[in-house]
């Protein structure tokens, strides 16, 4: 049995994308139009909402599947 957690993995991919494209999580949150605590929760606890994943994928200009293959 695998311990793979897709939501947590998506959070790690988001962390990587932010590090590659922004100076801070705060700068990303401002550009994305989200509260910093929401971004922090996505990174630390994972992203459980498909709609949030789609919004993030669209924002970064990548396919949603990249959050799982990252």
PDB file of N, CA and C in Angstrom:
ATOM      1  N   UNK A   1       0.832  -1.179   0.000  1.00  0.00           N
ATOM      2  CA  UNK A   1       0.000   0.000   0.000  1.00  0.00           C
ATOM      3  C   UNK A   1       0.881   1.250   0.000  1.00  0.00           C
ATOM      4  N   UNK A   2       0.528   2.221  -0.815  1.00  0.00           N
ATOM      5  CA  UNK A   2       1.310   3.431  -0.977  1.00  0.00           C
ATOM      6  C   UNK A   2       0.885   4.502   0.028  1.00  0.00           C
ATOM      7  N   UNK A   3       1.848   5.295   0.447  1.00  0.00           N
ATOM      8  CA  UNK A   3       1.558   6.418   1.334  1.00  0.00           C
ATOM      9  C   UNK A   3       1.428   7.717   0.556  1.00  0.00           C
ATOM     10  N   UNK A   4       1.262   7.637  -0.757  1.00  0.00           N
ATOM     11  CA  UNK A   4       1.156   8.818  -1.606  1.00  0.00           C
ATOM     12  C   UNK A   4      -0.082   9.627  -1.242  1.00  0.00           C
ATOM     13  N   UNK A   5       0.122  10.881  -0.979  1.00  0.00           N
ATOM     14  CA  UNK A   5      -0.967  11.799  -0.651  1.00  0.00           C
ATOM     15  C   UNK A   5      -0.973  12.883  -1.718  1.00  0.00           C
ATOM     16  N   UNK A   6      -1.927  12.800  -2.638  1.00  0.00           N
ATOM     17  CA  UNK A   6      -1.972  13.722  -3.775  1.00  0.00           C
ATOM     18  C   UNK A   6      -2.105  15.171  -3.326  1.00  0.00           C
ATOM     19  N   UNK A   7      -2.906  15.439  -2.313  1.00  0.00           N
ATOM     20  CA  UNK A   7      -3.100  16.804  -1.838  1.00  0.00           C
ATOM     21  C   UNK A   7      -1.795  17.382  -1.297  1.00  0.00           C
ATOM     22  N   UNK A   8      -1.079  16.602  -0.513  1.00  0.00           N
ATOM     23  CA  UNK A   8       0.203  17.063   0.052  1.00  0.00           C
ATOM     24  C   UNK A   8       1.226  17.282  -1.064  1.00  0.00           C
ATOM     25  N   UNK A   9       1.244  16.355  -2.031  1.00  0.00           N
ATOM     26  CA  UNK A   9       2.180  16.488  -3.146  1.00  0.00           C
ATOM     27  C   UNK A   9       1.901  17.777  -3.923  1.00  0.00           C
ATOM     28  N   UNK A  10       0.630  18.080  -4.146  1.00  0.00           N
ATOM     29  CA  UNK A  10       0.261  19.312  -4.847  1.00  0.00           C
ATOM     30  C   UNK A  10       0.765  20.527  -4.075  1.00  0.00           C
ATOM     31  N   UNK A  11       0.709  20.483  -2.756  1.00  0.00           N
ATOM     32  CA  UNK A  11       1.239  21.567  -1.937  1.00  0.00           C
ATOM     33  C   UNK A  11       2.733  21.742  -2.104  1.00  0.00           C
ATOM     34  N   UNK A  12       3.445  20.641  -2.200  1.00  0.00           N
ATOM     35  CA  UNK A  12       4.896  20.700  -2.411  1.00  0.00           C
ATOM     36  C   UNK A  12       5.227  21.275  -3.781  1.00  0.00           C
ATOM     37  N   UNK A  13       4.438  20.907  -4.776  1.00  0.00           N
ATOM     38  CA  UNK A  13       4.643  21.447  -6.118  1.00  0.00           C
ATOM     39  C   UNK A  13       4.373  22.953  -6.115  1.00  0.00           C
ATOM     40  N   UNK A  14       3.333  23.382  -5.413  1.00  0.00           N
ATOM     41  CA  UNK A  14       3.058  24.810  -5.305  1.00  0.00           C
ATOM     42  C   UNK A  14       4.234  25.528  -4.658  1.00  0.00           C
ATOM     43  N   UNK A  15       4.789  24.978  -3.598  1.00  0.00           N
ATOM     44  CA  UNK A  15       5.962  25.574  -2.946  1.00  0.00           C
ATOM     45  C   UNK A  15       7.099  25.753  -3.959  1.00  0.00           C
ATOM     46  N   UNK A  16       7.336  24.721  -4.759  1.00  0.00           N
ATOM     47  CA  UNK A  16       8.399  24.773  -5.767  1.00  0.00           C
ATOM     48  C   UNK A  16       8.114  25.872  -6.795  1.00  0.00           C
ATOM     49  N   UNK A  17       6.883  25.946  -7.275  1.00  0.00           N
ATOM     50  CA  UNK A  17       6.530  26.961  -8.264  1.00  0.00           C
ATOM     51  C   UNK A  17       6.702  28.370  -7.698  1.00  0.00           C
ATOM     52  N   UNK A  18       6.324  28.556  -6.461  1.00  0.00           N
ATOM     53  CA  UNK A  18       6.474  29.870  -5.833  1.00  0.00           C
ATOM     54  C   UNK A  18       7.950  30.215  -5.705  1.00  0.00           C
ATOM     55  N   UNK A  19       8.764  29.277  -5.261  1.00  0.00           N
ATOM     56  CA  UNK A  19      10.210  29.530  -5.115  1.00  0.00           C
ATOM     57  C   UNK A  19      10.852  29.888  -6.448  1.00  0.00           C
ATOM     58  N   UNK A  20      10.385  29.251  -7.533  1.00  0.00           N
ATOM     59  CA  UNK A  20      10.956  29.498  -8.857  1.00  0.00           C
ATOM     60  C   UNK A  20      10.509  30.828  -9.457  1.00  0.00           C
ATOM     61  N   UNK A  21       9.360  31.332  -9.032  1.00  0.00           N
ATOM     62  CA  UNK A  21       8.774  32.488  -9.703  1.00  0.00           C
ATOM     63  C   UNK A  21       8.577  33.739  -8.839  1.00  0.00           C
ATOM     64  N   UNK A  22       8.737  33.606  -7.536  1.00  0.00           N
ATOM     65  CA  UNK A  22       8.468  34.729  -6.634  1.00  0.00           C
ATOM     66  C   UNK A  22       9.544  34.831  -5.565  1.00  0.00           C
ATOM     67  N   UNK A  23       9.677  36.039  -5.037  1.00  0.00           N
ATOM     68  CA  UNK A  23      10.656  36.255  -3.970  1.00  0.00           C
ATOM     69  C   UNK A  23      10.138  35.770  -2.625  1.00  0.00           C
ATOM     70  N   UNK A  24       8.799  35.641  -2.501  1.00  0.00           N
ATOM     71  CA  UNK A  24       8.225  35.198  -1.232  1.00  0.00           C
ATOM     72  C   UNK A  24       6.814  34.671  -1.446  1.00  0.00           C
ATOM     73  N   UNK A  25       6.316  33.958  -0.454  1.00  0.00           N
ATOM     74  CA  UNK A  25       4.929  33.492  -0.495  1.00  0.00           C
ATOM     75  C   UNK A  25       3.977  34.680  -0.455  1.00  0.00           C
ATOM     76  N   UNK A  26       4.367  35.717   0.261  1.00  0.00           N
ATOM     77  CA  UNK A  26       3.531  36.907   0.354  1.00  0.00           C
ATOM     78  C   UNK A  26       3.364  37.568  -1.009  1.00  0.00           C
ATOM     79  N   UNK A  27       4.461  37.661  -1.771  1.00  0.00           N
ATOM     80  CA  UNK A  27       4.392  38.261  -3.106  1.00  0.00           C
ATOM     81  C   UNK A  27       3.485  37.436  -4.015  1.00  0.00           C
ATOM     82  N   UNK A  28       3.599  36.112  -3.926  1.00  0.00           N
ATOM     83  CA  UNK A  28       2.720  35.250  -4.714  1.00  0.00           C
ATOM     84  C   UNK A  28       1.267  35.450  -4.306  1.00  0.00           C
ATOM     85  N   UNK A  29       1.000  35.442  -3.011  1.00  0.00           N
ATOM     86  CA  UNK A  29      -0.373  35.582  -2.514  1.00  0.00           C
ATOM     87  C   UNK A  29      -1.002  36.874  -3.031  1.00  0.00           C
ATOM     88  N   UNK A  30      -0.226  37.946  -3.030  1.00  0.00           N
ATOM     89  CA  UNK A  30      -0.734  39.225  -3.517  1.00  0.00           C
ATOM     90  C   UNK A  30      -1.072  39.147  -5.005  1.00  0.00           C
ATOM     91  N   UNK A  31      -0.171  38.583  -5.813  1.00  0.00           N
ATOM     92  CA  UNK A  31      -0.429  38.443  -7.249  1.00  0.00           C
ATOM     93  C   UNK A  31      -1.602  37.513  -7.533  1.00  0.00           C
ATOM     94  N   UNK A  32      -1.696  36.452  -6.779  1.00  0.00           N
ATOM     95  CA  UNK A  32      -2.741  35.450  -6.993  1.00  0.00           C
ATOM     96  C   UNK A  32      -4.091  35.924  -6.465  1.00  0.00           C
ATOM     97  N   UNK A  33      -4.066  36.881  -5.539  1.00  0.00           N
ATOM     98  CA  UNK A  33      -5.296  37.399  -4.966  1.00  0.00           C
ATOM     99  C   UNK A  33      -5.842  36.539  -3.847  1.00  0.00           C
ATOM    100  N   UNK A  34      -4.933  35.954  -3.078  1.00  0.00           N
ATOM    101  CA  UNK A  34      -5.329  35.093  -1.960  1.00  0.00           C
ATOM    102  C   UNK A  34      -4.696  35.603  -0.677  1.00  0.00           C
ATOM    103  N   UNK A  35      -5.288  35.220   0.427  1.00  0.00           N
ATOM    104  CA  UNK A  35      -4.704  35.525   1.737  1.00  0.00           C
ATOM    105  C   UNK A  35      -3.431  34.690   1.912  1.00  0.00           C
ATOM    106  N   UNK A  36      -2.444  35.258   2.583  1.00  0.00           N
ATOM    107  CA  UNK A  36      -1.198  34.525   2.826  1.00  0.00           C
ATOM    108  C   UNK A  36      -1.470  33.259   3.624  1.00  0.00           C
ATOM    109  N   UNK A  37      -2.416  33.289   4.532  1.00  0.00           N
ATOM    110  CA  UNK A  37      -2.695  32.080   5.319  1.00  0.00           C
ATOM    111  C   UNK A  37      -3.302  30.973   4.459  1.00  0.00           C
ATOM    112  N   UNK A  38      -4.020  31.334   3.400  1.00  0.00           N
ATOM    113  CA  UNK A  38      -4.541  30.327   2.477  1.00  0.00           C
ATOM    114  C   UNK A  38      -3.399  29.676   1.723  1.00  0.00           C
ATOM    115  N   UNK A  39      -2.484  30.482   1.225  1.00  0.00           N
ATOM    116  CA  UNK A  39      -1.322  29.956   0.507  1.00  0.00           C
ATOM    117  C   UNK A  39      -0.499  29.065   1.439  1.00  0.00           C
ATOM    118  N   UNK A  40      -0.277  29.517   2.655  1.00  0.00           N
ATOM    119  CA  UNK A  40       0.470  28.734   3.633  1.00  0.00           C
ATOM    120  C   UNK A  40      -0.213  27.398   3.917  1.00  0.00           C
ATOM    121  N   UNK A  41      -1.536  27.432   4.037  1.00  0.00           N
ATOM    122  CA  UNK A  41      -2.283  26.194   4.281  1.00  0.00           C
ATOM    123  C   UNK A  41      -2.151  25.238   3.094  1.00  0.00           C
ATOM    124  N   UNK A  42      -2.244  25.765   1.877  1.00  0.00           N
ATOM    125  CA  UNK A  42      -2.071  24.917   0.687  1.00  0.00           C
ATOM    126  C   UNK A  42      -0.705  24.236   0.702  1.00  0.00           C
ATOM    127  N   UNK A  43       0.311  24.999   1.051  1.00  0.00           N
ATOM    128  CA  UNK A  43       1.672  24.457   1.036  1.00  0.00           C
ATOM    129  C   UNK A  43       1.882  23.442   2.157  1.00  0.00           C
ATOM    130  N   UNK A  44       1.421  23.758   3.343  1.00  0.00           N
ATOM    131  CA  UNK A  44       1.710  22.911   4.504  1.00  0.00           C
ATOM    132  C   UNK A  44       0.744  21.754   4.714  1.00  0.00           C
ATOM    133  N   UNK A  45      -0.504  21.935   4.324  1.00  0.00           N
ATOM    134  CA  UNK A  45      -1.499  20.894   4.549  1.00  0.00           C
ATOM    135  C   UNK A  45      -1.962  20.214   3.269  1.00  0.00           C
ATOM    136  N   UNK A  46      -1.633  20.804   2.139  1.00  0.00           N
ATOM    137  CA  UNK A  46      -2.032  20.231   0.866  1.00  0.00           C
ATOM    138  C   UNK A  46      -3.210  20.967   0.253  1.00  0.00           C
ATOM    139  N   UNK A  47      -3.505  20.623  -0.983  1.00  0.00           N
ATOM    140  CA  UNK A  47      -4.589  21.263  -1.723  1.00  0.00           C
ATOM    141  C   UNK A  47      -5.635  20.200  -2.016  1.00  0.00           C
ATOM    142  N   UNK A  48      -6.764  20.300  -1.344  1.00  0.00           N
ATOM    143  CA  UNK A  48      -7.818  19.288  -1.469  1.00  0.00           C
ATOM    144  C   UNK A  48      -8.896  19.637  -2.482  1.00  0.00           C
ATOM    145  N   UNK A  49      -8.972  20.878  -2.876  1.00  0.00           N
ATOM    146  CA  UNK A  49     -10.037  21.318  -3.771  1.00  0.00           C
ATOM    147  C   UNK A  49      -9.576  21.305  -5.221  1.00  0.00           C
ATOM    148  N   UNK A  50     -10.335  20.618  -6.049  1.00  0.00           N
ATOM    149  CA  UNK A  50     -10.015  20.565  -7.473  1.00  0.00           C
ATOM    150  C   UNK A  50     -10.086  21.960  -8.078  1.00  0.00           C
ATOM    151  N   UNK A  51     -11.054  22.753  -7.644  1.00  0.00           N
ATOM    152  CA  UNK A  51     -11.192  24.115  -8.183  1.00  0.00           C
ATOM    153  C   UNK A  51      -9.953  24.960  -7.862  1.00  0.00           C
ATOM    154  N   UNK A  52      -9.395  24.792  -6.677  1.00  0.00           N
ATOM    155  CA  UNK A  52      -8.179  25.531  -6.305  1.00  0.00           C
ATOM    156  C   UNK A  52      -7.003  25.072  -7.153  1.00  0.00           C
ATOM    157  N   UNK A  53      -6.893  23.774  -7.376  1.00  0.00           N
ATOM    158  CA  UNK A  53      -5.822  23.258  -8.229  1.00  0.00           C
ATOM    159  C   UNK A  53      -5.933  23.821  -9.638  1.00  0.00           C
ATOM    160  N   UNK A  54      -7.147  23.870 -10.169  1.00  0.00           N
ATOM    161  CA  UNK A  54      -7.348  24.396 -11.514  1.00  0.00           C
ATOM    162  C   UNK A  54      -6.984  25.873 -11.589  1.00  0.00           C
ATOM    163  N   UNK A  55      -7.381  26.644 -10.581  1.00  0.00           N
ATOM    164  CA  UNK A  55      -7.033  28.068 -10.547  1.00  0.00           C
ATOM    165  C   UNK A  55      -5.525  28.264 -10.510  1.00  0.00           C
ATOM    166  N   UNK A  56      -4.847  27.479  -9.693  1.00  0.00           N
ATOM    167  CA  UNK A  56      -3.391  27.587  -9.585  1.00  0.00           C
ATOM    168  C   UNK A  56      -2.713  27.174 -10.886  1.00  0.00           C
ATOM    169  N   UNK A  57      -3.174  26.103 -11.487  1.00  0.00           N
ATOM    170  CA  UNK A  57      -2.606  25.641 -12.764  1.00  0.00           C
ATOM    171  C   UNK A  57      -2.795  26.721 -13.834  1.00  0.00           C
ATOM    172  N   UNK A  58      -3.981  27.287 -13.906  1.00  0.00           N
ATOM    173  CA  UNK A  58      -4.235  28.359 -14.880  1.00  0.00           C
ATOM    174  C   UNK A  58      -3.339  29.563 -14.606  1.00  0.00           C
ATOM    175  N   UNK A  59      -3.196  29.915 -13.339  1.00  0.00           N
ATOM    176  CA  UNK A  59      -2.374  31.062 -12.962  1.00  0.00           C
ATOM    177  C   UNK A  59      -0.931  30.879 -13.418  1.00  0.00           C
ATOM    178  N   UNK A  60      -0.397  29.688 -13.213  1.00  0.00           N
ATOM    179  CA  UNK A  60       0.997  29.419 -13.582  1.00  0.00           C
ATOM    180  C   UNK A  60       1.147  28.994 -15.042  1.00  0.00           C
ATOM    181  N   UNK A  61       0.025  28.817 -15.739  1.00  0.00           N
ATOM    182  CA  UNK A  61       0.083  28.438 -17.151  1.00  0.00           C
ATOM    183  C   UNK A  61       0.567  27.018 -17.376  1.00  0.00           C
ATOM    184  N   UNK A  62       0.186  26.117 -16.471  1.00  0.00           N
ATOM    185  CA  UNK A  62       0.569  24.718 -16.600  1.00  0.00           C
ATOM    186  C   UNK A  62      -0.691  23.843 -16.553  1.00  0.00           C
ATOM    187  N   UNK A  63      -0.555  22.623 -16.974  1.00  0.00           N
ATOM    188  CA  UNK A  63      -1.670  21.690 -16.864  1.00  0.00           C
ATOM    189  C   UNK A  63      -1.850  21.239 -15.425  1.00  0.00           C
ATOM    190  N   UNK A  64      -3.077  20.993 -15.055  1.00  0.00           N
ATOM    191  CA  UNK A  64      -3.362  20.568 -13.680  1.00  0.00           C
ATOM    192  C   UNK A  64      -2.613  19.273 -13.332  1.00  0.00           C
ATOM    193  N   UNK A  65      -2.392  18.417 -14.306  1.00  0.00           N
ATOM    194  CA  UNK A  65      -1.699  17.152 -14.031  1.00  0.00           C
ATOM    195  C   UNK A  65      -0.269  17.374 -13.538  1.00  0.00           C
ATOM    196  N   UNK A  66       0.297  18.546 -13.833  1.00  0.00           N
ATOM    197  CA  UNK A  66       1.649  18.841 -13.356  1.00  0.00           C
ATOM    198  C   UNK A  66       1.727  18.919 -11.842  1.00  0.00           C
ATOM    199  N   UNK A  67       0.607  19.210 -11.187  1.00  0.00           N
ATOM    200  CA  UNK A  67       0.612  19.233  -9.729  1.00  0.00           C
ATOM    201  C   UNK A  67       0.762  17.829  -9.150  1.00  0.00           C
ATOM    202  N   UNK A  68       0.497  16.822  -9.952  1.00  0.00           N
ATOM    203  CA  UNK A  68       0.615  15.452  -9.476  1.00  0.00           C
ATOM    204  C   UNK A  68       1.884  14.777  -9.971  1.00  0.00           C
ATOM    205  N   UNK A  69       2.453  15.286 -11.057  1.00  0.00           N
ATOM    206  CA  UNK A  69       3.681  14.710 -11.602  1.00  0.00           C
ATOM    207  C   UNK A  69       4.905  15.483 -11.116  1.00  0.00           C
ATOM    208  N   UNK A  70       4.704  16.798 -10.841  1.00  0.00           N
ATOM    209  CA  UNK A  70       5.677  17.760 -10.381  1.00  0.00           C
ATOM    210  C   UNK A  70       7.052  17.296 -10.206  1.00  0.00           C
TER     211      UNK A  70
END
